[in-house]
Amino acid sequence: MSTTSAFSELINGDQPVLVDFFAEWCGPCKTMAPILRDFAGEKSGKVRVIKVDIDKNPGVAGQYQIQGVPTLILFKAGKPVWRQSGVVPLSYLHQAVDKVI
């Protein structure tokens, strides 16, 4: 199974999926990691959070035109409904996601 089709299966579920496009070498991505862990814990059962390394998954990164990391995209029924690049505080993440789920 290709990475792209596996990714499609993940984002097409019943539950909204927040995808963190990141890179191991990215400093701001390391800052975003604990924020996303907290968010995933607080939204458990409501929103699934997954991480996609752009260096290991260039096809998926290219498909969604990821030009900077971290980039967060919220998918609902397979469609992107919210997108943000850069580090965002936990409170902002909750506000933005709650508007669209």
C-alpha atoms as a PDB file:
ATOM      1  CA  MET A   1       0.000   0.000   0.000  1.00  0.00           C
ATOM      2  CA  SER A   2       1.369   3.425  -0.864  1.00  0.00           C
ATOM      3  CA  THR A   3       1.887   6.114   1.730  1.00  0.00           C
ATOM      4  CA  THR A   4      -0.581   8.353  -0.110  1.00  0.00           C
ATOM      5  CA  SER A   5      -3.384   5.762  -0.032  1.00  0.00           C
ATOM      6  CA  ALA A   6      -2.675   4.963   3.627  1.00  0.00           C
ATOM      7  CA  PHE A   7      -2.911   8.688   4.382  1.00  0.00           C
ATOM      8  CA  SER A   8      -6.210   8.922   2.476  1.00  0.00           C
ATOM      9  CA  GLU A   9      -7.629   6.113   4.591  1.00  0.00           C
ATOM     10  CA  LEU A  10      -6.584   7.912   7.792  1.00  0.00           C
ATOM     11  CA  ILE A  11      -8.221  11.233   6.881  1.00  0.00           C
ATOM     12  CA  ASN A  12     -11.412   9.726   5.462  1.00  0.00           C
ATOM     13  CA  GLY A  13     -12.666   8.263   8.727  1.00  0.00           C
ATOM     14  CA  ASP A  14     -15.675   9.414  10.726  1.00  0.00           C
ATOM     15  CA  GLN A  15     -13.523  11.364  13.159  1.00  0.00           C
ATOM     16  CA  PRO A  16     -11.840  14.682  12.221  1.00  0.00           C
ATOM     17  CA  VAL A  17      -8.063  14.326  11.868  1.00  0.00           C
ATOM     18  CA  LEU A  18      -5.528  17.034  12.708  1.00  0.00           C
ATOM     19  CA  VAL A  19      -2.335  16.417  10.750  1.00  0.00           C
ATOM     20  CA  ASP A  20       0.959  17.911  11.879  1.00  0.00           C
ATOM     21  CA  PHE A  21       3.294  18.125   8.891  1.00  0.00           C
ATOM     22  CA  PHE A  22       6.745  18.372  10.463  1.00  0.00           C
ATOM     23  CA  ALA A  23      10.454  17.642   9.988  1.00  0.00           C
ATOM     24  CA  GLU A  24      12.978  16.229  12.457  1.00  0.00           C
ATOM     25  CA  TRP A  25      15.367  19.142  11.808  1.00  0.00           C
ATOM     26  CA  CYS A  26      12.701  21.809  12.457  1.00  0.00           C
ATOM     27  CA  GLY A  27      13.053  23.757  15.724  1.00  0.00           C
ATOM     28  CA  PRO A  28       9.495  25.176  15.745  1.00  0.00           C
ATOM     29  CA  CYS A  29       8.188  21.629  15.146  1.00  0.00           C
ATOM     30  CA  LYS A  30       9.839  20.547  18.394  1.00  0.00           C
ATOM     31  CA  THR A  31       8.095  23.468  20.142  1.00  0.00           C
ATOM     32  CA  MET A  32       4.750  22.382  18.665  1.00  0.00           C
ATOM     33  CA  ALA A  33       5.089  18.708  19.724  1.00  0.00           C
ATOM     34  CA  PRO A  34       4.087  19.072  23.423  1.00  0.00           C
ATOM     35  CA  ILE A  35       1.223  21.425  22.464  1.00  0.00           C
ATOM     36  CA  LEU A  36      -0.116  18.763  20.108  1.00  0.00           C
ATOM     37  CA  ARG A  37       0.301  16.042  22.753  1.00  0.00           C
ATOM     38  CA  ASP A  38      -1.793  18.105  25.184  1.00  0.00           C
ATOM     39  CA  PHE A  39      -4.363  18.857  22.483  1.00  0.00           C
ATOM     40  CA  ALA A  40      -4.617  15.169  21.524  1.00  0.00           C
ATOM     41  CA  GLY A  41      -5.188  14.242  25.166  1.00  0.00           C
ATOM     42  CA  GLU A  42      -7.869  16.878  25.657  1.00  0.00           C
ATOM     43  CA  LYS A  43      -9.649  16.019  22.380  1.00  0.00           C
ATOM     44  CA  SER A  44      -9.349  12.241  22.759  1.00  0.00           C
ATOM     45  CA  GLY A  45     -12.333  10.597  21.099  1.00  0.00           C
ATOM     46  CA  LYS A  46     -13.236  13.805  19.236  1.00  0.00           C
ATOM     47  CA  VAL A  47     -10.214  14.570  17.051  1.00  0.00           C
ATOM     48  CA  ARG A  48      -7.411  12.259  15.990  1.00  0.00           C
ATOM     49  CA  VAL A  49      -3.939  13.817  15.827  1.00  0.00           C
ATOM     50  CA  ILE A  50      -1.294  12.359  13.530  1.00  0.00           C
ATOM     51  CA  LYS A  51       2.201  13.481  12.574  1.00  0.00           C
ATOM     52  CA  VAL A  52       3.572  13.303   9.027  1.00  0.00           C
ATOM     53  CA  ASP A  53       7.314  13.723   8.494  1.00  0.00           C
ATOM     54  CA  ILE A  54       7.643  15.651   5.219  1.00  0.00           C
ATOM     55  CA  ASP A  55      11.088  14.197   4.525  1.00  0.00           C
ATOM     56  CA  LYS A  56       9.808  10.610   4.808  1.00  0.00           C
ATOM     57  CA  ASN A  57       6.491  11.332   3.032  1.00  0.00           C
ATOM     58  CA  PRO A  58       7.246  13.806   0.223  1.00  0.00           C
ATOM     59  CA  GLY A  59       4.280  12.630  -1.864  1.00  0.00           C
ATOM     60  CA  VAL A  60       1.742  13.518   0.820  1.00  0.00           C
ATOM     61  CA  ALA A  61       3.536  16.797   1.609  1.00  0.00           C
ATOM     62  CA  GLY A  62       3.500  17.707  -2.084  1.00  0.00           C
ATOM     63  CA  GLN A  63      -0.155  16.778  -2.474  1.00  0.00           C
ATOM     64  CA  TYR A  64      -1.090  19.369   0.177  1.00  0.00           C
ATOM     65  CA  GLN A  65       1.519  21.923  -0.958  1.00  0.00           C
ATOM     66  CA  ILE A  66       3.379  21.986   2.344  1.00  0.00           C
ATOM     67  CA  GLN A  67       6.000  24.711   1.970  1.00  0.00           C
ATOM     68  CA  GLY A  68       6.864  25.373   5.602  1.00  0.00           C
ATOM     69  CA  VAL A  69       6.838  23.347   8.780  1.00  0.00           C
ATOM     70  CA  PRO A  70       5.127  22.954  11.069  1.00  0.00           C
ATOM     71  CA  THR A  71       1.915  23.105   9.057  1.00  0.00           C
ATOM     72  CA  LEU A  72      -1.292  21.868  10.660  1.00  0.00           C
ATOM     73  CA  ILE A  73      -4.255  20.788   8.545  1.00  0.00           C
ATOM     74  CA  LEU A  74      -7.569  19.636   9.974  1.00  0.00           C
ATOM     75  CA  PHE A  75      -9.397  17.139   7.785  1.00  0.00           C
ATOM     76  CA  LYS A  76     -13.084  16.360   8.110  1.00  0.00           C
ATOM     77  CA  ALA A  77     -14.435  13.500   5.962  1.00  0.00           C
ATOM     78  CA  GLY A  78     -11.212  13.635   3.933  1.00  0.00           C
ATOM     79  CA  LYS A  79     -11.431  17.344   3.116  1.00  0.00           C
ATOM     80  CA  PRO A  80      -9.136  20.039   4.549  1.00  0.00           C
ATOM     81  CA  VAL A  81     -11.307  22.428   6.606  1.00  0.00           C
ATOM     82  CA  TRP A  82      -8.615  24.401   8.452  1.00  0.00           C
ATOM     83  CA  ARG A  83      -4.935  25.076   7.871  1.00  0.00           C
ATOM     84  CA  GLN A  84      -2.258  26.948   9.824  1.00  0.00           C
ATOM     85  CA  SER A  85       1.503  27.200   9.472  1.00  0.00           C
ATOM     86  CA  GLY A  86       3.844  27.908  12.352  1.00  0.00           C
ATOM     87  CA  VAL A  87       3.627  27.326  16.084  1.00  0.00           C
ATOM     88  CA  VAL A  88       0.207  28.025  17.596  1.00  0.00           C
ATOM     89  CA  PRO A  89      -0.717  28.147  21.289  1.00  0.00           C
ATOM     90  CA  LEU A  90      -2.955  25.439  22.711  1.00  0.00           C
ATOM     91  CA  SER A  91      -5.833  27.863  23.334  1.00  0.00           C
ATOM     92  CA  TYR A  92      -5.766  29.041  19.699  1.00  0.00           C
ATOM     93  CA  LEU A  93      -5.695  25.446  18.475  1.00  0.00           C
ATOM     94  CA  HIS A  94      -8.799  24.631  20.546  1.00  0.00           C
ATOM     95  CA  GLN A  95     -10.649  27.726  19.265  1.00  0.00           C
ATOM     96  CA  ALA A  96      -9.812  27.075  15.613  1.00  0.00           C
ATOM     97  CA  VAL A  97     -10.653  23.366  15.691  1.00  0.00           C
ATOM     98  CA  ASP A  98     -13.830  23.796  17.748  1.00  0.00           C
ATOM     99  CA  LYS A  99     -15.197  26.160  15.061  1.00  0.00           C
ATOM    100  CA  VAL A 100     -15.070  23.495  12.380  1.00  0.00           C
ATOM    101  CA  ILE A 101     -15.759  20.169  14.110  1.00  0.00           C
END
